[in-house]
C-alpha atoms as a PDB file:
ATOM      1  CA  MET A   1     -28.132  51.221 -22.928  1.00  0.00           C
ATOM      2  CA  LEU A   2     -27.570  49.240 -19.750  1.00  0.00           C
ATOM      3  CA  ALA A   3     -31.016  50.316 -18.553  1.00  0.00           C
ATOM      4  CA  LEU A   4     -32.533  48.414 -21.502  1.00  0.00           C
ATOM      5  CA  ILE A   5     -30.328  45.318 -21.456  1.00  0.00           C
ATOM      6  CA  VAL A   6     -30.541  44.399 -17.760  1.00  0.00           C
ATOM      7  CA  PRO A   7     -34.364  44.133 -17.627  1.00  0.00           C
ATOM      8  CA  LEU A   8     -34.392  42.149 -20.886  1.00  0.00           C
ATOM      9  CA  ILE A   9     -31.777  39.668 -19.617  1.00  0.00           C
ATOM     10  CA  THR A  10     -33.588  39.380 -16.291  1.00  0.00           C
ATOM     11  CA  ALA A  11     -36.939  38.696 -17.931  1.00  0.00           C
ATOM     12  CA  VAL A  12     -35.454  36.137 -20.332  1.00  0.00           C
ATOM     13  CA  ALA A  13     -33.705  34.347 -17.445  1.00  0.00           C
ATOM     14  CA  TYR A  14     -36.976  34.166 -15.498  1.00  0.00           C
ATOM     15  CA  LEU A  15     -38.943  32.894 -18.481  1.00  0.00           C
ATOM     16  CA  MET A  16     -36.320  30.313 -19.469  1.00  0.00           C
ATOM     17  CA  ALA A  17     -36.165  28.957 -15.920  1.00  0.00           C
ATOM     18  CA  ALA A  18     -39.961  28.772 -15.714  1.00  0.00           C
ATOM     19  CA  LEU A  19     -40.086  26.937 -19.045  1.00  0.00           C
ATOM     20  CA  ARG A  20     -37.425  24.484 -17.873  1.00  0.00           C
ATOM     21  CA  LEU A  21     -39.410  23.774 -14.700  1.00  0.00           C
ATOM     22  CA  ALA A  22     -42.548  23.247 -16.769  1.00  0.00           C
ATOM     23  CA  CYS A  23     -40.750  20.800 -19.097  1.00  0.00           C
ATOM     24  CA  PHE A  24     -39.317  18.613 -16.313  1.00  0.00           C
ATOM     25  CA  LYS A  25     -39.714  14.865 -16.911  1.00  0.00           C
ATOM     26  CA  ARG A  26     -39.591  12.552 -13.913  1.00  0.00           C
ATOM     27  CA  ASP A  27     -38.089   9.557 -15.765  1.00  0.00           C
ATOM     28  CA  GLY A  28     -38.780   7.152 -12.927  1.00  0.00           C
ATOM     29  CA  ALA A  29     -38.127   9.618 -10.121  1.00  0.00           C
ATOM     30  CA  ARG A  30     -40.419   9.389  -7.143  1.00  0.00           C
ATOM     31  CA  TYR A  31     -43.463  11.687  -7.171  1.00  0.00           C
ATOM     32  CA  ARG A  32     -43.660  13.924  -4.121  1.00  0.00           C
ATOM     33  CA  ARG A  33     -46.633  16.193  -3.794  1.00  0.00           C
ATOM     34  CA  GLY A  34     -44.804  18.867  -1.778  1.00  0.00           C
ATOM     35  CA  MET A  35     -41.957  19.144  -4.265  1.00  0.00           C
ATOM     36  CA  SER A  36     -44.419  19.225  -7.147  1.00  0.00           C
ATOM     37  CA  LEU A  37     -46.343  22.046  -5.485  1.00  0.00           C
ATOM     38  CA  LEU A  38     -43.130  23.930  -4.763  1.00  0.00           C
ATOM     39  CA  ALA A  39     -41.949  23.527  -8.367  1.00  0.00           C
ATOM     40  CA  SER A  40     -45.307  24.745  -9.665  1.00  0.00           C
ATOM     41  CA  LEU A  41     -45.268  27.802  -7.417  1.00  0.00           C
ATOM     42  CA  LEU A  42     -41.661  28.579  -8.303  1.00  0.00           C
ATOM     43  CA  GLY A  43     -42.310  28.226 -12.028  1.00  0.00           C
ATOM     44  CA  ALA A  44     -45.477  30.321 -11.897  1.00  0.00           C
ATOM     45  CA  SER A  45     -43.834  33.088  -9.875  1.00  0.00           C
ATOM     46  CA  MET A  46     -40.855  33.173 -12.223  1.00  0.00           C
ATOM     47  CA  ALA A  47     -43.073  33.293 -15.314  1.00  0.00           C
ATOM     48  CA  ILE A  48     -45.156  36.091 -13.810  1.00  0.00           C
ATOM     49  CA  SER A  49     -42.013  38.013 -12.806  1.00  0.00           C
ATOM     50  CA  GLY A  50     -40.603  37.726 -16.322  1.00  0.00           C
ATOM     51  CA  LEU A  51     -43.840  38.851 -17.924  1.00  0.00           C
ATOM     52  CA  GLU A  52     -44.190  41.707 -15.449  1.00  0.00           C
ATOM     53  CA  ILE A  53     -40.733  42.986 -16.353  1.00  0.00           C
ATOM     54  CA  LEU A  54     -41.506  42.791 -20.073  1.00  0.00           C
ATOM     55  CA  LEU A  55     -44.990  44.301 -19.924  1.00  0.00           C
ATOM     56  CA  TYR A  56     -44.925  46.847 -17.074  1.00  0.00           C
ATOM     57  CA  ARG A  57     -41.225  47.767 -17.146  1.00  0.00           C
ATOM     58  CA  PRO A  58     -40.571  48.224 -13.414  1.00  0.00           C
ATOM     59  CA  PRO A  59     -37.076  49.337 -12.383  1.00  0.00           C
ATOM     60  CA  VAL A  60     -34.706  46.349 -12.336  1.00  0.00           C
ATOM     61  CA  SER A  61     -31.313  46.545 -10.683  1.00  0.00           C
ATOM     62  CA  ILE A  62     -28.283  44.733 -11.974  1.00  0.00           C
ATOM     63  CA  TRP A  63     -28.313  42.565  -8.822  1.00  0.00           C
ATOM     64  CA  HIS A  64     -31.846  41.486  -9.609  1.00  0.00           C
ATOM     65  CA  GLY A  65     -30.586  40.388 -13.010  1.00  0.00           C
ATOM     66  CA  VAL A  66     -27.579  38.568 -11.557  1.00  0.00           C
ATOM     67  CA  THR A  67     -29.833  36.704  -9.112  1.00  0.00           C
ATOM     68  CA  ALA A  68     -32.245  35.724 -11.890  1.00  0.00           C
ATOM     69  CA  CYS A  69     -29.402  34.460 -14.089  1.00  0.00           C
ATOM     70  CA  LEU A  70     -27.864  32.433 -11.255  1.00  0.00           C
ATOM     71  CA  LEU A  71     -31.224  30.895 -10.387  1.00  0.00           C
ATOM     72  CA  CYS A  72     -31.779  30.067 -14.059  1.00  0.00           C
ATOM     73  CA  LEU A  73     -28.340  28.459 -14.203  1.00  0.00           C
ATOM     74  CA  LEU A  74     -29.063  26.342 -11.115  1.00  0.00           C
ATOM     75  CA  ILE A  75     -32.412  25.213 -12.496  1.00  0.00           C
ATOM     76  CA  PHE A  76     -30.870  24.205 -15.821  1.00  0.00           C
ATOM     77  CA  ARG A  77     -28.012  22.455 -14.025  1.00  0.00           C
ATOM     78  CA  SER A  78     -30.485  20.363 -12.012  1.00  0.00           C
ATOM     79  CA  ARG A  79     -32.425  19.716 -15.263  1.00  0.00           C
ATOM     80  CA  GLY A  80     -35.551  21.290 -13.736  1.00  0.00           C
ATOM     81  CA  ASN A  81     -35.579  18.985 -10.705  1.00  0.00           C
ATOM     82  CA  VAL A  82     -36.497  21.121  -7.685  1.00  0.00           C
ATOM     83  CA  ALA A  83     -35.817  18.254  -5.293  1.00  0.00           C
ATOM     84  CA  ALA A  84     -32.249  18.046  -6.631  1.00  0.00           C
ATOM     85  CA  LEU A  85     -31.910  21.791  -6.146  1.00  0.00           C
ATOM     86  CA  LEU A  86     -32.845  21.533  -2.487  1.00  0.00           C
ATOM     87  CA  ARG A  87     -30.940  18.319  -1.759  1.00  0.00           C
ATOM     88  CA  PRO A  88     -27.701  18.946   0.104  1.00  0.00           C
ATOM     89  CA  SER A  89     -24.675  17.805  -1.866  1.00  0.00           C
ATOM     90  CA  THR A  90     -22.301  15.368  -0.242  1.00  0.00           C
END
């Protein structure tokens, strides 16, 4: 049972995070080409990873799932802003 749930949760976390990155609105924030490129690459790689898990069913460890869920949580917490993710907190 766990062998079916962990890949599903991992794939959903990847796809949700990629969707959140794709739906980011700047709302007056400064446009930076490097951050935009990084966000696009991160979103694309997460979407591809999620689809790969769903379609090809590679082995997924529980730690892979935990990492995907934590990354998804961080992306949702920063509201999809990659620059805010990388900015050191004071």
